[in-house]
Amino acid sequence: MMKSFLLTIKPIKYFFRGRNFLNDPHYLEVQKKNRNESLKRPSRTIILNFLLSIKQGKTSYLEIGVRNPDRNFNHIEADLKYSVDPGIEFIENPVDFKMTSDVFFQKLSKNEVLSNDTKFDVIFIDGLHLAEQVDRDIENAFNYIKDDGFIVLHDCNPPTEWHARENFGYRNSPASGYWNGTTWKAFLKWRFNSSINSCCIDSDWGLGIFSKKYQIGKSIEPTNAFFEFSSLDENRKEYLNLIDFDTLKNILLE
């Protein structure tokens, strides 16, 4: 009776509910995966700079979704580099093209920015992490990538379903503020394309890489028709062609 009465008092009720939540085994497991994933190396910057380093002559780089350029863009080593971001998450937004990726590619096709015959060595996609938008970014990027270039996606390997949620704003979850969205679905869809080679580096939340020239990984037959996360979780290595960075370097430098 006393316990029931105490639980009617809001501060006490919130204490017990909060304690139960924070000690929940599922919550603790996701927190552990948060820590493990955030400690994985190398970073996206190192991987992107490596891909640029194997190119001959002057290099060109495009980044879609920059937020704070000090986190990656400013550290990219390319002769020419351009950035695109509408500035929703970083008010200063010191980028080259202050617009969405859809608007940028539309303007690029019309010669309203740069030139429609522009081709990049590496295009890095890290914009809105929803499958429909990422899929569109990939399709547009293939129109402006060199034959021997690379398209790279961030957030292709969400460690749990909480990280792969559609709504970024839902932070009261075991994943806390970490958000990979549904990027993995767009990456998997393009893994079914027999004309494209692909792999995913198991670092920095999953760096998905596409190439038309380099044999970094064969396509797979269409699978997981409804893009269910549980199926991804059980078949990560196959679905994503999940490899480590050293394996990628061995493939590209052999």
Protein backbone atom coordinates (compact mmCIF):
# COMPACT_ATOMS: atom_id res chain seq x y z
CA MET A 1 0.00 0.00 0.00
CA MET A 2 2.79 2.39 0.92
CA LYS A 3 4.59 1.79 -2.41
CA SER A 4 1.40 2.37 -4.36
CA PHE A 5 0.85 5.60 -2.48
CA LEU A 6 4.42 6.80 -3.03
CA LEU A 7 4.11 6.15 -6.76
CA THR A 8 1.25 8.63 -6.91
CA ILE A 9 3.73 11.37 -6.00
CA LYS A 10 5.14 12.61 -9.32
CA PRO A 11 8.80 13.14 -8.36
CA ILE A 12 8.96 9.66 -6.82
CA LYS A 13 7.12 8.09 -9.76
CA TYR A 14 9.48 9.78 -12.23
CA PHE A 15 12.49 8.59 -10.24
CA PHE A 16 11.48 4.93 -10.35
CA ARG A 17 10.41 5.06 -13.97
CA GLY A 18 13.62 6.81 -14.93
CA ARG A 19 15.72 4.31 -13.02
CA ASN A 20 13.94 1.40 -14.69
CA PHE A 21 14.46 2.97 -18.10
CA LEU A 22 18.15 3.68 -17.59
CA ASN A 23 18.76 0.16 -16.27
CA ASP A 24 16.78 -1.59 -18.98
CA PRO A 25 19.03 -4.21 -20.68
CA HIS A 26 17.93 -3.11 -24.15
CA TYR A 27 18.70 0.53 -23.36
CA LEU A 28 22.12 -0.40 -21.98
CA GLU A 29 22.92 -2.48 -25.06
CA VAL A 30 22.10 0.40 -27.41
CA GLN A 31 24.18 2.77 -25.29
CA LYS A 32 27.09 0.35 -25.60
CA LYS A 33 26.70 0.32 -29.37
CA ASN A 34 26.65 4.12 -29.38
CA ARG A 35 30.04 4.15 -27.68
CA ASN A 36 31.51 1.39 -29.83
CA GLU A 37 30.42 2.99 -33.08
CA SER A 38 31.62 6.46 -32.14
CA LEU A 39 35.09 5.06 -31.40
CA LYS A 40 35.54 3.28 -34.73
CA ARG A 41 38.33 4.56 -36.93
CA PRO A 42 39.26 5.80 -39.47
CA SER A 43 37.01 8.81 -39.91
CA ARG A 44 35.12 9.72 -43.06
CA THR A 45 37.73 12.43 -43.73
CA ILE A 46 40.59 9.95 -43.88
CA ILE A 47 38.64 7.62 -46.17
CA LEU A 48 37.59 10.43 -48.51
CA ASN A 49 41.14 11.81 -48.69
CA PHE A 50 42.43 8.33 -49.48
CA LEU A 51 40.02 8.00 -52.42
CA LEU A 52 41.15 11.39 -53.70
CA SER A 53 44.82 10.50 -53.24
CA ILE A 54 44.72 7.63 -55.73
CA LYS A 55 43.47 9.86 -58.54
CA GLN A 56 45.84 11.23 -61.18
CA GLY A 57 46.11 14.95 -61.89
CA LYS A 58 44.00 17.67 -60.36
CA THR A 59 41.20 16.42 -58.17
CA SER A 60 37.65 17.70 -57.72
CA TYR A 61 35.34 17.07 -54.78
CA LEU A 62 31.68 17.81 -54.03
CA GLU A 63 30.09 17.56 -50.57
CA ILE A 64 26.31 17.38 -50.18
CA GLY A 65 25.23 18.19 -46.61
CA VAL A 66 28.02 19.99 -44.78
CA ARG A 67 26.63 21.42 -41.55
CA ASN A 68 29.82 22.61 -39.80
CA PRO A 69 32.63 22.49 -42.42
CA ASP A 70 35.25 22.10 -39.69
CA ARG A 71 33.99 18.58 -39.09
CA ASN A 72 34.98 17.34 -42.55
CA PHE A 73 34.88 19.66 -45.57
CA ASN A 74 37.70 21.97 -44.48
CA HIS A 75 40.00 18.97 -44.04
CA ILE A 76 39.43 17.50 -47.49
CA GLU A 77 42.53 17.58 -49.70
CA ALA A 78 41.37 18.31 -53.25
CA ASP A 79 42.43 20.86 -55.85
CA LEU A 80 38.84 21.94 -56.40
CA LYS A 81 36.10 21.39 -53.85
CA TYR A 82 32.54 22.61 -53.54
CA SER A 83 29.98 22.44 -50.76
CA VAL A 84 26.17 22.38 -50.76
CA ASP A 85 23.95 22.94 -47.72
CA PRO A 86 20.70 24.87 -47.11
CA GLY A 87 21.91 25.88 -43.63
CA ILE A 88 19.06 24.45 -41.59
CA GLU A 89 21.31 22.91 -38.93
CA PHE A 90 24.22 25.36 -38.99
CA ILE A 91 23.15 28.99 -39.21
CA GLU A 92 26.56 30.36 -40.25
CA ASN A 93 26.50 28.01 -43.27
CA PRO A 94 29.79 29.10 -44.92
CA VAL A 95 29.30 26.91 -48.00
CA ASP A 96 29.58 27.55 -51.72
CA PHE A 97 25.96 26.83 -52.57
CA LYS A 98 23.38 27.70 -49.92
CA MET A 99 20.54 25.52 -51.20
CA THR A 100 19.17 22.00 -51.09
CA SER A 101 20.82 19.30 -53.14
CA ASP A 102 17.74 19.08 -55.39
CA VAL A 103 17.99 22.77 -56.25
CA PHE A 104 21.77 22.53 -56.71
CA PHE A 105 21.58 19.65 -59.18
CA GLN A 106 18.73 21.33 -61.03
CA LYS A 107 20.76 24.53 -61.36
CA LEU A 108 23.83 22.53 -62.34
CA SER A 109 21.91 20.84 -65.15
CA LYS A 110 20.85 24.28 -66.44
CA ASN A 111 24.35 25.79 -66.27
CA GLU A 112 23.18 28.18 -63.56
CA VAL A 113 25.96 27.04 -61.20
CA LEU A 114 29.36 25.73 -62.30
CA SER A 115 28.82 23.98 -65.66
CA ASN A 116 26.68 21.02 -66.64
CA ASP A 117 29.75 19.27 -68.05
CA THR A 118 31.39 19.37 -64.59
CA LYS A 119 32.64 16.00 -63.38
CA PHE A 120 33.89 15.15 -59.90
CA ASP A 121 36.40 12.60 -58.64
CA VAL A 122 34.53 12.13 -55.35
CA ILE A 123 31.01 13.13 -54.35
CA PHE A 124 30.21 12.79 -50.66
CA ILE A 125 26.51 12.59 -49.73
CA ASP A 126 25.66 13.42 -46.14
CA GLY A 127 22.48 15.48 -46.48
CA LEU A 128 18.96 14.58 -45.38
CA HIS A 129 19.18 11.00 -44.10
CA LEU A 130 15.91 9.75 -45.54
CA ALA A 131 15.95 7.02 -48.18
CA GLU A 132 13.91 8.87 -50.82
CA GLN A 133 16.17 11.92 -50.68
CA VAL A 134 19.39 9.90 -50.56
CA ASP A 135 18.24 7.84 -53.53
CA ARG A 136 17.66 11.05 -55.48
CA ASP A 137 21.07 12.40 -54.45
CA ILE A 138 22.74 9.19 -55.64
CA GLU A 139 20.96 9.30 -59.00
CA ASN A 140 21.91 12.94 -59.51
CA ALA A 141 25.50 12.31 -58.40
CA PHE A 142 25.97 9.61 -61.04
CA ASN A 143 25.33 12.25 -63.70
CA TYR A 144 28.32 14.28 -62.49
CA ILE A 145 30.88 11.71 -61.39
CA LYS A 146 33.91 10.81 -63.49
CA ASP A 147 34.05 7.30 -64.98
CA ASP A 148 36.69 6.38 -62.42
CA GLY A 149 35.19 8.45 -59.61
CA PHE A 150 33.57 7.49 -56.31
CA ILE A 151 30.24 8.33 -54.72
CA VAL A 152 30.37 8.02 -50.94
CA LEU A 153 27.45 7.96 -48.49
CA HIS A 154 27.59 8.52 -44.75
CA ASP A 155 25.42 6.64 -42.20
CA CYS A 156 24.92 3.39 -44.16
CA ASN A 157 25.40 1.02 -41.21
CA PRO A 158 23.03 1.99 -38.36
CA PRO A 159 23.86 -0.21 -35.34
CA THR A 160 20.25 -0.47 -34.13
CA GLU A 161 16.73 0.27 -35.26
CA TRP A 162 16.72 3.30 -32.97
CA HIS A 163 19.53 4.81 -35.03
CA ALA A 164 17.63 4.02 -38.22
CA ARG A 165 14.47 5.85 -37.17
CA GLU A 166 12.87 8.17 -39.70
CA ASN A 167 12.32 11.05 -37.30
CA PHE A 168 15.52 12.81 -36.24
CA GLY A 169 13.61 14.88 -33.68
CA TYR A 170 12.70 11.84 -31.61
CA ARG A 171 15.68 12.01 -29.25
CA ASN A 172 14.11 10.32 -26.20
CA SER A 173 15.33 6.95 -27.37
CA PRO A 174 18.26 4.70 -26.46
CA ALA A 175 20.15 6.13 -29.48
CA SER A 176 19.99 9.59 -27.89
CA GLY A 177 21.03 12.22 -30.44
CA TYR A 178 22.69 9.77 -32.83
CA TRP A 179 20.78 9.46 -36.11
CA ASN A 180 21.60 7.51 -39.25
CA GLY A 181 18.09 7.67 -40.64
CA THR A 182 17.11 5.41 -43.53
CA THR A 183 20.19 6.03 -45.68
CA TRP A 184 20.91 2.29 -45.56
CA LYS A 185 17.78 1.60 -47.61
CA ALA A 186 18.95 3.78 -50.49
CA PHE A 187 22.41 2.20 -50.35
CA LEU A 188 20.93 -1.30 -50.40
CA LYS A 189 18.67 -0.43 -53.33
CA TRP A 190 21.69 0.62 -55.40
CA ARG A 191 23.51 -2.56 -54.35
CA PHE A 192 21.04 -4.33 -56.65
CA ASN A 193 22.33 -2.45 -59.71
CA SER A 194 24.51 -4.83 -61.72
CA SER A 195 26.42 -1.99 -63.42
CA ILE A 196 27.74 -0.61 -60.13
CA ASN A 197 30.36 -1.92 -57.71
CA SER A 198 29.90 -1.14 -54.04
CA CYS A 199 31.04 -1.74 -50.49
CA CYS A 200 30.52 -0.27 -47.04
CA ILE A 201 33.44 0.54 -44.76
CA ASP A 202 32.72 -0.54 -41.21
CA SER A 203 33.73 2.76 -39.63
CA ASP A 204 32.20 6.16 -38.80
CA TRP A 205 28.62 4.80 -38.93
CA GLY A 206 29.18 3.11 -42.28
CA LEU A 207 30.74 4.72 -45.37
CA GLY A 208 28.98 3.32 -48.44
CA ILE A 209 31.02 3.59 -51.63
CA PHE A 210 29.94 3.26 -55.28
CA SER A 211 32.22 2.88 -58.27
CA LYS A 212 31.64 2.03 -61.91
CA LYS A 213 35.28 1.18 -62.56
CA TYR A 214 36.87 -0.33 -59.46
CA GLN A 215 35.97 -3.85 -58.40
CA ILE A 216 35.19 -3.00 -54.79
CA GLY A 217 32.25 -5.37 -54.55
CA LYS A 218 29.79 -7.07 -56.88
CA SER A 219 26.11 -6.24 -56.88
CA ILE A 220 23.63 -8.61 -55.23
CA GLU A 221 20.26 -9.93 -56.29
CA PRO A 222 17.30 -7.89 -55.01
CA THR A 223 16.42 -8.96 -51.49
CA ASN A 224 14.59 -7.72 -48.38
CA ALA A 225 11.73 -6.41 -50.54
CA PHE A 226 10.20 -4.37 -47.71
CA PHE A 227 13.55 -3.06 -46.40
CA GLU A 228 12.98 -4.42 -42.91
CA PHE A 229 15.67 -3.51 -40.41
CA SER A 230 15.66 -6.95 -38.76
CA SER A 231 16.67 -8.46 -42.10
CA LEU A 232 19.51 -5.96 -42.47
CA ASP A 233 20.64 -6.70 -38.93
CA GLU A 234 20.88 -10.42 -39.69
CA ASN A 235 22.64 -10.00 -43.05
CA ARG A 236 24.81 -6.89 -42.76
CA LYS A 237 27.94 -8.35 -44.30
CA GLU A 238 26.13 -9.55 -47.41
CA TYR A 239 23.61 -6.73 -47.81
CA LEU A 240 26.14 -3.92 -47.36
CA ASN A 241 29.31 -5.73 -48.45
CA LEU A 242 30.70 -4.65 -45.09
CA ILE A 243 34.51 -4.52 -45.11
CA ASP A 244 37.27 -2.74 -43.19
CA PHE A 245 39.37 0.12 -44.52
CA ASP A 246 42.50 -2.00 -45.01
CA THR A 247 40.56 -4.33 -47.30
CA LEU A 248 39.46 -1.37 -49.41
CA LYS A 249 43.03 -0.09 -49.65
CA ASN A 250 44.29 -3.52 -50.72
CA ILE A 251 41.65 -3.68 -53.48
CA LEU A 252 42.37 -0.22 -54.85
CA LEU A 253 46.15 -0.30 -54.55
CA GLU A 254 46.87 -3.81 -55.80
